[in-house]
C-alpha atoms as a PDB file:
ATOM      1  CA  UNK A   1      -6.497  -4.101  16.518  1.00  0.00           C
ATOM      2  CA  UNK A   2      -5.355  -2.123  19.634  1.00  0.00           C
ATOM      3  CA  UNK A   3      -6.967   0.928  21.175  1.00  0.00           C
ATOM      4  CA  UNK A   4      -6.107   2.675  24.306  1.00  0.00           C
ATOM      5  CA  UNK A   5      -7.929   4.966  26.862  1.00  0.00           C
ATOM      6  CA  UNK A   6      -7.395   7.473  29.102  1.00  0.00           C
ATOM      7  CA  UNK A   7      -7.995   5.365  31.906  1.00  0.00           C
ATOM      8  CA  UNK A   8      -4.240   3.545  31.254  1.00  0.00           C
ATOM      9  CA  UNK A   9      -6.538   0.505  29.807  1.00  0.00           C
ATOM     10  CA  UNK A  10      -5.531  -0.995  26.401  1.00  0.00           C
ATOM     11  CA  UNK A  11      -8.074  -3.375  24.238  1.00  0.00           C
ATOM     12  CA  UNK A  12      -6.849  -5.697  21.882  1.00  0.00           C
ATOM     13  CA  UNK A  13     -10.009  -6.684  19.237  1.00  0.00           C
ATOM     14  CA  UNK A  14     -10.853  -9.115  16.768  1.00  0.00           C
ATOM     15  CA  UNK A  15     -12.175  -7.125  13.935  1.00  0.00           C
ATOM     16  CA  UNK A  16     -13.425 -10.214  12.246  1.00  0.00           C
ATOM     17  CA  UNK A  17     -15.672 -11.287  15.049  1.00  0.00           C
ATOM     18  CA  UNK A  18     -16.339  -7.729  16.562  1.00  0.00           C
ATOM     19  CA  UNK A  19     -15.461  -8.701  19.783  1.00  0.00           C
ATOM     20  CA  UNK A  20     -12.970  -7.412  22.437  1.00  0.00           C
ATOM     21  CA  UNK A  21     -10.004 -10.448  22.735  1.00  0.00           C
ATOM     22  CA  UNK A  22      -8.087  -8.683  25.588  1.00  0.00           C
ATOM     23  CA  UNK A  23      -8.151  -5.917  28.258  1.00  0.00           C
ATOM     24  CA  UNK A  24      -5.435  -5.108  30.328  1.00  0.00           C
ATOM     25  CA  UNK A  25      -4.240  -1.640  32.066  1.00  0.00           C
ATOM     26  CA  UNK A  26      -0.530  -1.369  31.752  1.00  0.00           C
ATOM     27  CA  UNK A  27      -0.105   2.199  32.655  1.00  0.00           C
ATOM     28  CA  UNK A  28      -1.292   4.810  35.540  1.00  0.00           C
ATOM     29  CA  UNK A  29      -2.377   7.272  33.090  1.00  0.00           C
ATOM     30  CA  UNK A  30      -3.873   8.057  29.605  1.00  0.00           C
ATOM     31  CA  UNK A  31      -2.069   5.703  27.057  1.00  0.00           C
ATOM     32  CA  UNK A  32      -1.378   8.459  23.821  1.00  0.00           C
ATOM     33  CA  UNK A  33       0.178   6.034  21.455  1.00  0.00           C
ATOM     34  CA  UNK A  34       0.144   2.337  20.369  1.00  0.00           C
ATOM     35  CA  UNK A  35       1.837   0.531  17.515  1.00  0.00           C
ATOM     36  CA  UNK A  36       1.802  -3.321  16.423  1.00  0.00           C
ATOM     37  CA  UNK A  37       4.610  -5.128  14.726  1.00  0.00           C
ATOM     38  CA  UNK A  38       4.219  -6.258  11.191  1.00  0.00           C
ATOM     39  CA  UNK A  39       4.069  -9.871  12.511  1.00  0.00           C
ATOM     40  CA  UNK A  40       1.266  -9.071  14.772  1.00  0.00           C
ATOM     41  CA  UNK A  41       2.866 -10.565  17.837  1.00  0.00           C
ATOM     42  CA  UNK A  42       3.778  -7.410  19.530  1.00  0.00           C
ATOM     43  CA  UNK A  43       2.416  -4.041  21.030  1.00  0.00           C
ATOM     44  CA  UNK A  44       4.249  -1.026  21.851  1.00  0.00           C
ATOM     45  CA  UNK A  45       2.216   1.364  24.234  1.00  0.00           C
ATOM     46  CA  UNK A  46       3.036   5.062  25.096  1.00  0.00           C
ATOM     47  CA  UNK A  47       1.722   6.870  27.843  1.00  0.00           C
ATOM     48  CA  UNK A  48       1.030  10.151  29.759  1.00  0.00           C
ATOM     49  CA  UNK A  49       2.977   8.212  32.736  1.00  0.00           C
ATOM     50  CA  UNK A  50       6.351   8.787  30.806  1.00  0.00           C
ATOM     51  CA  UNK A  51       6.953   5.160  30.031  1.00  0.00           C
ATOM     52  CA  UNK A  52       6.686   2.826  26.416  1.00  0.00           C
ATOM     53  CA  UNK A  53       5.918  -0.792  27.074  1.00  0.00           C
ATOM     54  CA  UNK A  54       6.581  -3.426  24.682  1.00  0.00           C
ATOM     55  CA  UNK A  55       3.964  -6.700  24.914  1.00  0.00           C
ATOM     56  CA  UNK A  56       3.993 -10.127  23.869  1.00  0.00           C
ATOM     57  CA  UNK A  57       0.148 -10.206  22.808  1.00  0.00           C
ATOM     58  CA  UNK A  58       0.454 -13.751  21.872  1.00  0.00           C
ATOM     59  CA  UNK A  59      -0.193 -14.998  25.584  1.00  0.00           C
ATOM     60  CA  UNK A  60      -3.381 -14.640  27.417  1.00  0.00           C
ATOM     61  CA  UNK A  61      -3.391 -12.295  29.227  1.00  0.00           C
ATOM     62  CA  UNK A  62      -0.645  -9.987  27.244  1.00  0.00           C
ATOM     63  CA  UNK A  63       2.822 -10.144  28.934  1.00  0.00           C
ATOM     64  CA  UNK A  64       5.250  -7.222  29.386  1.00  0.00           C
ATOM     65  CA  UNK A  65       8.816  -7.873  28.047  1.00  0.00           C
ATOM     66  CA  UNK A  66      10.275  -4.379  28.456  1.00  0.00           C
ATOM     67  CA  UNK A  67       9.762  -1.057  29.889  1.00  0.00           C
ATOM     68  CA  UNK A  68      11.197   1.961  28.196  1.00  0.00           C
ATOM     69  CA  UNK A  69      12.132   4.909  30.939  1.00  0.00           C
ATOM     70  CA  UNK A  70      13.635   8.447  30.360  1.00  0.00           C
ATOM     71  CA  UNK A  71      10.781  10.812  29.273  1.00  0.00           C
ATOM     72  CA  UNK A  72      10.317  13.430  31.614  1.00  0.00           C
ATOM     73  CA  UNK A  73       6.941  14.272  30.433  1.00  0.00           C
ATOM     74  CA  UNK A  74       4.227  12.268  28.522  1.00  0.00           C
ATOM     75  CA  UNK A  75       5.094  10.217  25.416  1.00  0.00           C
ATOM     76  CA  UNK A  76       2.401  11.343  23.110  1.00  0.00           C
ATOM     77  CA  UNK A  77       3.819   9.390  19.434  1.00  0.00           C
ATOM     78  CA  UNK A  78       5.790   6.467  18.641  1.00  0.00           C
ATOM     79  CA  UNK A  79       6.882   4.965  15.312  1.00  0.00           C
ATOM     80  CA  UNK A  80       8.467   1.698  14.323  1.00  0.00           C
ATOM     81  CA  UNK A  81      10.755   0.987  11.146  1.00  0.00           C
ATOM     82  CA  UNK A  82       9.544  -1.204   8.288  1.00  0.00           C
ATOM     83  CA  UNK A  83      11.884  -3.964  10.107  1.00  0.00           C
ATOM     84  CA  UNK A  84      10.127  -3.693  13.483  1.00  0.00           C
ATOM     85  CA  UNK A  85      13.093  -2.266  15.114  1.00  0.00           C
END
């Protein structure tokens, strides 16, 4: 599970252990949307800072793979297709 906060922080959680696995601050503003890939290896975050980012969450700490730029306002939602594209 992943959660995002108003401070730009993203947290990854181990549900079974009921513990935080990782915490990182990939954005300068509120994280509005998150999506995990079906294989659980990647996370996409979207923010008030007008960027969306792709993360490899199999590493510690998570590694940024791509930053998507082009919006002129906050990105408030995102979706992945069934094949993860």
